[in-house]
């Protein structure tokens, strides 16, 4: 069983521009990209046309490391410089549950740990120190 810690950037509409910079400046390779226009539509919250090209989720490979990003903002406000979170990625759902439960003690659950279209268990939690973690199990639901 493996566990990885991965920096995750919340870009508030500038992910495409950041990806271009990191490809040029850091020799990054785009390993995966999903745009909001390619995701299942929520009829209760239709996506504005100008956001269809925004990045829902992207993975960049930089050397032996990985950088993940989105245009989504977890909190209610966006403040430049505070958009970095940590992805804790594991292939063990029980371990993901244990991590999530421990981190939420004295903290705040932003998205409960649950199955999603991209993972058997995904959740987002801010710990008691104000650090936001995205807990993710590998694989699809």
N, C-alpha and C. Protein backbone atom coordinates (compact mmCIF):
# COMPACT_ATOMS: atom_id res chain seq x y z
N UNK A 1 0.84 -1.18 0.00
CA UNK A 1 0.00 0.00 0.00
C UNK A 1 0.89 1.24 0.00
N UNK A 2 0.58 2.17 -0.87
CA UNK A 2 1.38 3.39 -0.94
C UNK A 2 0.56 4.61 -0.59
N UNK A 3 1.25 5.62 -0.09
CA UNK A 3 0.64 6.92 0.20
C UNK A 3 1.59 7.99 -0.32
N UNK A 4 1.03 8.99 -1.00
CA UNK A 4 1.82 10.10 -1.54
C UNK A 4 1.24 11.42 -1.06
N UNK A 5 2.13 12.41 -0.82
CA UNK A 5 1.71 13.78 -0.54
C UNK A 5 2.02 14.60 -1.79
N UNK A 6 1.00 15.31 -2.28
CA UNK A 6 1.12 16.03 -3.55
C UNK A 6 0.63 17.47 -3.36
N UNK A 7 1.42 18.49 -3.75
CA UNK A 7 0.93 19.86 -3.69
C UNK A 7 -0.24 20.05 -4.65
N UNK A 8 -1.26 20.78 -4.21
CA UNK A 8 -2.47 21.00 -4.99
C UNK A 8 -2.75 22.50 -4.99
N UNK A 9 -2.83 23.09 -6.19
CA UNK A 9 -3.04 24.53 -6.32
C UNK A 9 -4.47 24.84 -6.76
N UNK A 10 -5.11 25.78 -6.08
CA UNK A 10 -6.43 26.28 -6.45
C UNK A 10 -6.22 27.63 -7.12
N UNK A 11 -6.55 27.73 -8.41
CA UNK A 11 -6.11 28.86 -9.23
C UNK A 11 -7.17 29.90 -9.55
N UNK A 12 -8.43 29.68 -9.23
CA UNK A 12 -9.48 30.68 -9.39
C UNK A 12 -9.54 31.28 -10.81
N UNK A 13 -9.45 30.42 -11.82
CA UNK A 13 -9.59 30.89 -13.20
C UNK A 13 -8.28 31.09 -13.94
N UNK A 14 -7.14 30.93 -13.27
CA UNK A 14 -5.86 31.16 -13.94
C UNK A 14 -5.05 29.88 -14.14
N UNK A 15 -5.67 28.71 -14.00
CA UNK A 15 -4.93 27.45 -14.13
C UNK A 15 -4.34 27.27 -15.52
N UNK A 16 -5.08 27.61 -16.57
CA UNK A 16 -4.53 27.46 -17.93
C UNK A 16 -3.25 28.28 -18.10
N UNK A 17 -3.25 29.49 -17.60
CA UNK A 17 -2.09 30.36 -17.69
C UNK A 17 -0.93 29.80 -16.85
N UNK A 18 -1.24 29.29 -15.65
CA UNK A 18 -0.21 28.72 -14.78
C UNK A 18 0.40 27.47 -15.43
N UNK A 19 -0.43 26.64 -16.05
CA UNK A 19 0.07 25.44 -16.71
C UNK A 19 1.05 25.83 -17.82
N UNK A 20 0.69 26.82 -18.61
CA UNK A 20 1.59 27.28 -19.68
C UNK A 20 2.93 27.72 -19.10
N UNK A 21 2.89 28.47 -18.00
CA UNK A 21 4.13 28.93 -17.36
C UNK A 21 4.96 27.75 -16.87
N UNK A 22 4.35 26.80 -16.16
CA UNK A 22 5.10 25.70 -15.58
C UNK A 22 5.67 24.77 -16.65
N UNK A 23 4.96 24.63 -17.77
CA UNK A 23 5.48 23.84 -18.89
C UNK A 23 6.77 24.49 -19.42
N UNK A 24 6.74 25.81 -19.59
CA UNK A 24 7.92 26.52 -20.10
C UNK A 24 9.02 26.64 -19.05
N UNK A 25 8.66 27.07 -17.85
CA UNK A 25 9.66 27.39 -16.84
C UNK A 25 10.23 26.17 -16.12
N UNK A 26 9.43 25.12 -15.95
CA UNK A 26 9.85 23.97 -15.15
C UNK A 26 9.93 22.67 -15.94
N UNK A 27 9.79 22.76 -17.27
CA UNK A 27 9.76 21.56 -18.12
C UNK A 27 8.68 20.58 -17.69
N UNK A 28 7.57 21.12 -17.20
CA UNK A 28 6.46 20.28 -16.77
C UNK A 28 5.79 19.64 -17.98
N UNK A 29 5.25 18.46 -17.76
CA UNK A 29 4.46 17.77 -18.78
C UNK A 29 3.05 17.61 -18.24
N UNK A 30 2.06 17.91 -19.06
CA UNK A 30 0.66 17.74 -18.64
C UNK A 30 0.35 16.25 -18.77
N UNK A 31 0.21 15.58 -17.63
CA UNK A 31 -0.08 14.15 -17.60
C UNK A 31 -1.57 13.89 -17.72
N UNK A 32 -2.39 14.83 -17.25
CA UNK A 32 -3.85 14.65 -17.28
C UNK A 32 -4.50 16.02 -17.14
N UNK A 33 -5.60 16.21 -17.88
CA UNK A 33 -6.37 17.45 -17.72
C UNK A 33 -7.84 17.16 -18.00
N UNK A 34 -8.69 17.65 -17.11
CA UNK A 34 -10.14 17.56 -17.25
C UNK A 34 -10.68 18.96 -17.09
N UNK A 35 -11.41 19.43 -18.09
CA UNK A 35 -12.00 20.77 -18.02
C UNK A 35 -13.43 20.67 -17.50
N UNK A 36 -13.93 21.76 -16.93
CA UNK A 36 -15.29 21.75 -16.39
C UNK A 36 -16.31 21.40 -17.47
N UNK A 37 -16.08 21.82 -18.70
CA UNK A 37 -17.00 21.51 -19.78
C UNK A 37 -17.07 20.03 -20.12
N UNK A 38 -16.11 19.24 -19.62
CA UNK A 38 -16.07 17.80 -19.89
C UNK A 38 -16.63 16.96 -18.74
N UNK A 39 -17.09 17.60 -17.67
CA UNK A 39 -17.59 16.87 -16.51
C UNK A 39 -19.11 16.75 -16.56
N UNK A 40 -19.68 15.81 -15.78
CA UNK A 40 -21.14 15.69 -15.75
C UNK A 40 -21.80 17.00 -15.32
N UNK A 41 -22.82 17.41 -16.05
CA UNK A 41 -23.53 18.67 -15.79
C UNK A 41 -24.46 18.52 -14.59
N UNK A 42 -24.48 19.52 -13.72
CA UNK A 42 -25.40 19.57 -12.59
C UNK A 42 -26.56 20.47 -13.01
N UNK A 43 -27.76 19.90 -13.25
CA UNK A 43 -28.88 20.71 -13.71
C UNK A 43 -29.31 21.79 -12.70
N UNK A 44 -29.00 21.59 -11.42
CA UNK A 44 -29.37 22.56 -10.40
C UNK A 44 -28.39 23.73 -10.34
N UNK A 45 -27.21 23.55 -10.91
CA UNK A 45 -26.20 24.61 -10.94
C UNK A 45 -25.49 24.58 -12.29
N UNK A 46 -26.18 25.07 -13.33
CA UNK A 46 -25.57 25.03 -14.67
C UNK A 46 -24.27 25.83 -14.72
N UNK A 47 -23.35 25.32 -15.52
CA UNK A 47 -22.04 25.94 -15.66
C UNK A 47 -22.11 27.12 -16.62
N UNK A 48 -21.64 28.30 -16.19
CA UNK A 48 -21.62 29.44 -17.11
C UNK A 48 -20.70 29.13 -18.30
N UNK A 49 -21.07 29.54 -19.51
CA UNK A 49 -20.26 29.22 -20.70
C UNK A 49 -18.80 29.65 -20.59
N UNK A 50 -18.53 30.76 -19.91
CA UNK A 50 -17.15 31.25 -19.81
C UNK A 50 -16.27 30.36 -18.93
N UNK A 51 -16.89 29.45 -18.16
CA UNK A 51 -16.10 28.57 -17.28
C UNK A 51 -15.92 27.16 -17.85
N UNK A 52 -16.47 26.89 -19.02
CA UNK A 52 -16.35 25.55 -19.60
C UNK A 52 -14.90 25.18 -19.92
N UNK A 53 -14.04 26.18 -20.18
CA UNK A 53 -12.63 25.92 -20.48
C UNK A 53 -11.76 25.95 -19.22
N UNK A 54 -12.34 26.28 -18.07
CA UNK A 54 -11.59 26.28 -16.82
C UNK A 54 -11.16 24.86 -16.48
N UNK A 55 -10.09 24.73 -15.74
CA UNK A 55 -9.54 23.42 -15.38
C UNK A 55 -10.25 22.89 -14.14
N UNK A 56 -10.90 21.74 -14.31
CA UNK A 56 -11.51 21.05 -13.18
C UNK A 56 -10.42 20.34 -12.39
N UNK A 57 -9.51 19.68 -13.12
CA UNK A 57 -8.44 18.93 -12.48
C UNK A 57 -7.33 18.69 -13.49
N UNK A 58 -6.09 18.98 -13.09
CA UNK A 58 -4.94 18.74 -13.95
C UNK A 58 -3.80 18.17 -13.12
N UNK A 59 -3.01 17.32 -13.76
CA UNK A 59 -1.81 16.75 -13.15
C UNK A 59 -0.63 17.09 -14.04
N UNK A 60 0.37 17.72 -13.44
CA UNK A 60 1.61 18.02 -14.15
C UNK A 60 2.72 17.16 -13.56
N UNK A 61 3.55 16.62 -14.42
CA UNK A 61 4.74 15.89 -13.99
C UNK A 61 5.92 16.82 -14.15
N UNK A 62 6.67 17.00 -13.08
CA UNK A 62 7.86 17.84 -13.10
C UNK A 62 8.98 16.99 -12.53
N UNK A 63 9.83 16.48 -13.41
CA UNK A 63 10.84 15.52 -12.97
C UNK A 63 10.17 14.29 -12.40
N UNK A 64 10.55 13.92 -11.18
CA UNK A 64 9.93 12.77 -10.52
C UNK A 64 8.76 13.17 -9.64
N UNK A 65 8.40 14.44 -9.66
CA UNK A 65 7.33 14.94 -8.79
C UNK A 65 6.05 15.20 -9.56
N UNK A 66 4.99 15.41 -8.81
CA UNK A 66 3.67 15.68 -9.38
C UNK A 66 3.12 16.96 -8.75
N UNK A 67 2.44 17.74 -9.56
CA UNK A 67 1.74 18.94 -9.11
C UNK A 67 0.32 18.85 -9.65
N UNK A 68 -0.66 19.06 -8.79
CA UNK A 68 -2.06 19.01 -9.21
C UNK A 68 -2.66 20.39 -9.06
N UNK A 69 -3.67 20.69 -9.90
CA UNK A 69 -4.31 21.99 -9.79
C UNK A 69 -5.74 21.97 -10.31
N UNK A 70 -6.47 23.01 -9.93
CA UNK A 70 -7.85 23.22 -10.34
C UNK A 70 -8.12 24.72 -10.38
N UNK A 71 -9.22 25.09 -11.03
CA UNK A 71 -9.68 26.47 -10.97
C UNK A 71 -10.71 26.65 -9.86
N UNK A 72 -11.10 25.58 -9.21
CA UNK A 72 -12.07 25.63 -8.12
C UNK A 72 -11.41 26.24 -6.88
N UNK A 73 -12.19 26.90 -6.07
CA UNK A 73 -11.72 27.44 -4.80
C UNK A 73 -12.53 26.78 -3.70
N UNK A 74 -11.85 26.09 -2.77
CA UNK A 74 -12.53 25.35 -1.70
C UNK A 74 -13.26 26.27 -0.74
N UNK A 75 -12.59 27.31 -0.26
CA UNK A 75 -13.20 28.21 0.71
C UNK A 75 -14.17 29.16 0.06
N UNK A 76 -14.75 30.03 0.85
CA UNK A 76 -15.73 30.97 0.31
C UNK A 76 -15.06 32.16 -0.37
N UNK A 77 -13.79 32.40 -0.06
CA UNK A 77 -13.08 33.51 -0.69
C UNK A 77 -11.74 33.02 -1.21
N UNK A 78 -11.22 33.76 -2.17
CA UNK A 78 -9.93 33.44 -2.75
C UNK A 78 -8.96 34.55 -2.39
N UNK A 79 -7.84 34.17 -1.80
CA UNK A 79 -6.81 35.14 -1.47
C UNK A 79 -5.50 34.62 -2.05
N UNK A 80 -4.92 35.37 -2.97
CA UNK A 80 -3.69 34.96 -3.63
C UNK A 80 -2.65 34.61 -2.58
N UNK A 81 -2.01 33.45 -2.77
CA UNK A 81 -0.98 33.00 -1.84
C UNK A 81 -1.48 31.98 -0.83
N UNK A 82 -2.80 31.81 -0.74
CA UNK A 82 -3.35 30.84 0.23
C UNK A 82 -4.01 29.66 -0.48
N UNK A 83 -3.74 29.51 -1.77
CA UNK A 83 -4.47 28.52 -2.55
C UNK A 83 -3.77 27.17 -2.63
N UNK A 84 -2.78 26.91 -1.80
CA UNK A 84 -2.08 25.63 -1.84
C UNK A 84 -2.66 24.69 -0.79
N UNK A 85 -3.05 23.50 -1.22
CA UNK A 85 -3.49 22.45 -0.32
C UNK A 85 -2.62 21.23 -0.57
N UNK A 86 -2.78 20.21 0.27
CA UNK A 86 -1.99 18.98 0.14
C UNK A 86 -2.95 17.83 -0.19
N UNK A 87 -2.64 17.10 -1.24
CA UNK A 87 -3.37 15.88 -1.57
C UNK A 87 -2.68 14.73 -0.85
N UNK A 88 -3.46 13.95 -0.13
CA UNK A 88 -2.96 12.71 0.45
C UNK A 88 -3.62 11.60 -0.36
N UNK A 89 -2.82 10.98 -1.22
CA UNK A 89 -3.35 9.97 -2.16
C UNK A 89 -2.89 8.58 -1.72
N UNK A 90 -3.83 7.68 -1.57
CA UNK A 90 -3.52 6.33 -1.15
C UNK A 90 -4.36 5.34 -1.97
N UNK A 91 -3.94 4.10 -1.98
CA UNK A 91 -4.73 3.08 -2.66
C UNK A 91 -5.54 2.25 -1.67
N UNK A 92 -5.63 2.71 -0.42
CA UNK A 92 -6.31 1.99 0.64
C UNK A 92 -7.44 2.85 1.21
N UNK A 93 -8.69 2.45 0.96
CA UNK A 93 -9.85 3.22 1.39
C UNK A 93 -9.93 3.34 2.91
N UNK A 94 -9.57 2.28 3.63
CA UNK A 94 -9.60 2.32 5.10
C UNK A 94 -8.57 3.32 5.63
N UNK A 95 -7.41 3.35 5.00
CA UNK A 95 -6.37 4.30 5.41
C UNK A 95 -6.85 5.73 5.12
N UNK A 96 -7.50 5.95 3.98
CA UNK A 96 -8.04 7.27 3.65
C UNK A 96 -9.04 7.72 4.71
N UNK A 97 -9.90 6.79 5.13
CA UNK A 97 -10.89 7.10 6.16
C UNK A 97 -10.20 7.47 7.48
N UNK A 98 -9.18 6.73 7.83
CA UNK A 98 -8.44 7.01 9.07
C UNK A 98 -7.77 8.38 9.01
N UNK A 99 -7.13 8.69 7.89
CA UNK A 99 -6.50 10.01 7.72
C UNK A 99 -7.54 11.13 7.86
N UNK A 100 -8.66 10.97 7.13
CA UNK A 100 -9.69 12.00 7.12
C UNK A 100 -10.25 12.22 8.52
N UNK A 101 -10.58 11.12 9.21
CA UNK A 101 -11.16 11.24 10.55
C UNK A 101 -10.21 11.91 11.53
N UNK A 102 -8.92 11.61 11.42
CA UNK A 102 -7.94 12.22 12.31
C UNK A 102 -7.77 13.71 12.02
N UNK A 103 -7.72 14.08 10.75
CA UNK A 103 -7.52 15.48 10.38
C UNK A 103 -8.72 16.36 10.70
N UNK A 104 -9.92 15.80 10.70
CA UNK A 104 -11.11 16.63 10.94
C UNK A 104 -11.30 16.96 12.42
N UNK A 105 -10.61 16.28 13.33
CA UNK A 105 -10.73 16.55 14.77
C UNK A 105 -10.24 17.97 15.06
N UNK A 106 -11.13 18.83 15.49
CA UNK A 106 -10.79 20.21 15.77
C UNK A 106 -10.68 21.07 14.53
N UNK A 107 -10.95 20.47 13.37
CA UNK A 107 -10.87 21.19 12.11
C UNK A 107 -12.23 21.40 11.48
N UNK A 108 -12.27 21.45 10.15
CA UNK A 108 -13.52 21.71 9.43
C UNK A 108 -13.58 20.80 8.20
N UNK A 109 -14.72 20.13 8.05
CA UNK A 109 -14.95 19.29 6.86
C UNK A 109 -15.50 20.19 5.75
N UNK A 110 -14.76 20.27 4.64
CA UNK A 110 -15.20 21.06 3.49
C UNK A 110 -16.04 20.22 2.54
N UNK A 111 -15.64 18.98 2.31
CA UNK A 111 -16.39 17.98 1.53
C UNK A 111 -16.26 16.68 2.28
N UNK A 112 -17.37 16.04 2.67
CA UNK A 112 -17.28 14.79 3.41
C UNK A 112 -16.61 13.70 2.57
N UNK A 113 -15.96 12.76 3.25
CA UNK A 113 -15.32 11.64 2.57
C UNK A 113 -16.40 10.72 2.03
N UNK A 114 -16.43 10.57 0.71
CA UNK A 114 -17.45 9.74 0.07
C UNK A 114 -17.01 9.36 -1.33
N UNK A 115 -17.69 8.41 -1.92
CA UNK A 115 -17.41 8.00 -3.29
C UNK A 115 -17.78 9.12 -4.25
N UNK A 116 -17.02 9.23 -5.33
CA UNK A 116 -17.30 10.21 -6.37
C UNK A 116 -17.09 9.55 -7.72
N UNK A 117 -17.34 10.28 -8.79
CA UNK A 117 -17.17 9.68 -10.11
C UNK A 117 -15.70 9.41 -10.42
N UNK A 118 -14.78 10.01 -9.67
CA UNK A 118 -13.35 9.82 -9.95
C UNK A 118 -12.60 9.05 -8.87
N UNK A 119 -13.25 8.70 -7.76
CA UNK A 119 -12.55 8.03 -6.68
C UNK A 119 -13.52 7.25 -5.79
N UNK A 120 -13.09 6.09 -5.27
CA UNK A 120 -13.93 5.36 -4.31
C UNK A 120 -14.12 6.11 -3.00
N UNK A 121 -13.17 7.00 -2.67
CA UNK A 121 -13.30 7.82 -1.45
C UNK A 121 -12.53 9.11 -1.66
N UNK A 122 -13.26 10.23 -1.60
CA UNK A 122 -12.64 11.55 -1.73
C UNK A 122 -13.27 12.47 -0.70
N UNK A 123 -12.45 13.26 -0.04
CA UNK A 123 -12.94 14.26 0.89
C UNK A 123 -11.95 15.39 1.02
N UNK A 124 -12.42 16.51 1.54
CA UNK A 124 -11.61 17.70 1.68
C UNK A 124 -11.82 18.22 3.10
N UNK A 125 -10.73 18.39 3.82
CA UNK A 125 -10.81 18.78 5.23
C UNK A 125 -9.72 19.80 5.54
N UNK A 126 -10.06 20.78 6.37
CA UNK A 126 -9.07 21.73 6.87
C UNK A 126 -8.79 21.37 8.32
N UNK A 127 -7.52 21.11 8.64
CA UNK A 127 -7.19 20.69 10.00
C UNK A 127 -7.22 21.87 10.97
N UNK A 128 -6.99 21.59 12.23
CA UNK A 128 -7.08 22.62 13.27
C UNK A 128 -6.02 23.70 13.14
N UNK A 129 -5.02 23.49 12.27
CA UNK A 129 -3.97 24.48 12.04
C UNK A 129 -4.24 25.33 10.80
N UNK A 130 -5.37 25.06 10.12
CA UNK A 130 -5.73 25.83 8.93
C UNK A 130 -5.17 25.28 7.63
N UNK A 131 -4.58 24.07 7.66
CA UNK A 131 -4.04 23.44 6.46
C UNK A 131 -5.13 22.57 5.84
N UNK A 132 -5.37 22.76 4.54
CA UNK A 132 -6.41 21.99 3.85
C UNK A 132 -5.80 20.79 3.16
N UNK A 133 -6.43 19.64 3.36
CA UNK A 133 -6.01 18.37 2.78
C UNK A 133 -7.13 17.81 1.92
N UNK A 134 -6.78 17.30 0.76
CA UNK A 134 -7.69 16.54 -0.08
C UNK A 134 -7.29 15.08 0.07
N UNK A 135 -8.15 14.28 0.67
CA UNK A 135 -7.89 12.86 0.86
C UNK A 135 -8.49 12.13 -0.33
N UNK A 136 -7.71 11.28 -0.98
CA UNK A 136 -8.13 10.67 -2.24
C UNK A 136 -7.65 9.23 -2.34
N UNK A 137 -8.55 8.33 -2.66
CA UNK A 137 -8.13 6.97 -2.98
C UNK A 137 -8.04 6.84 -4.49
N UNK A 138 -7.05 6.09 -4.93
CA UNK A 138 -6.83 5.90 -6.36
C UNK A 138 -7.92 5.01 -6.94
N UNK A 139 -8.21 5.20 -8.22
CA UNK A 139 -9.19 4.38 -8.91
C UNK A 139 -10.49 5.11 -9.09
N UNK A 140 -11.36 4.49 -9.84
CA UNK A 140 -12.69 5.06 -10.10
C UNK A 140 -13.74 4.28 -9.34
N UNK A 141 -14.82 4.97 -9.04
CA UNK A 141 -15.95 4.36 -8.34
C UNK A 141 -16.60 3.34 -9.24
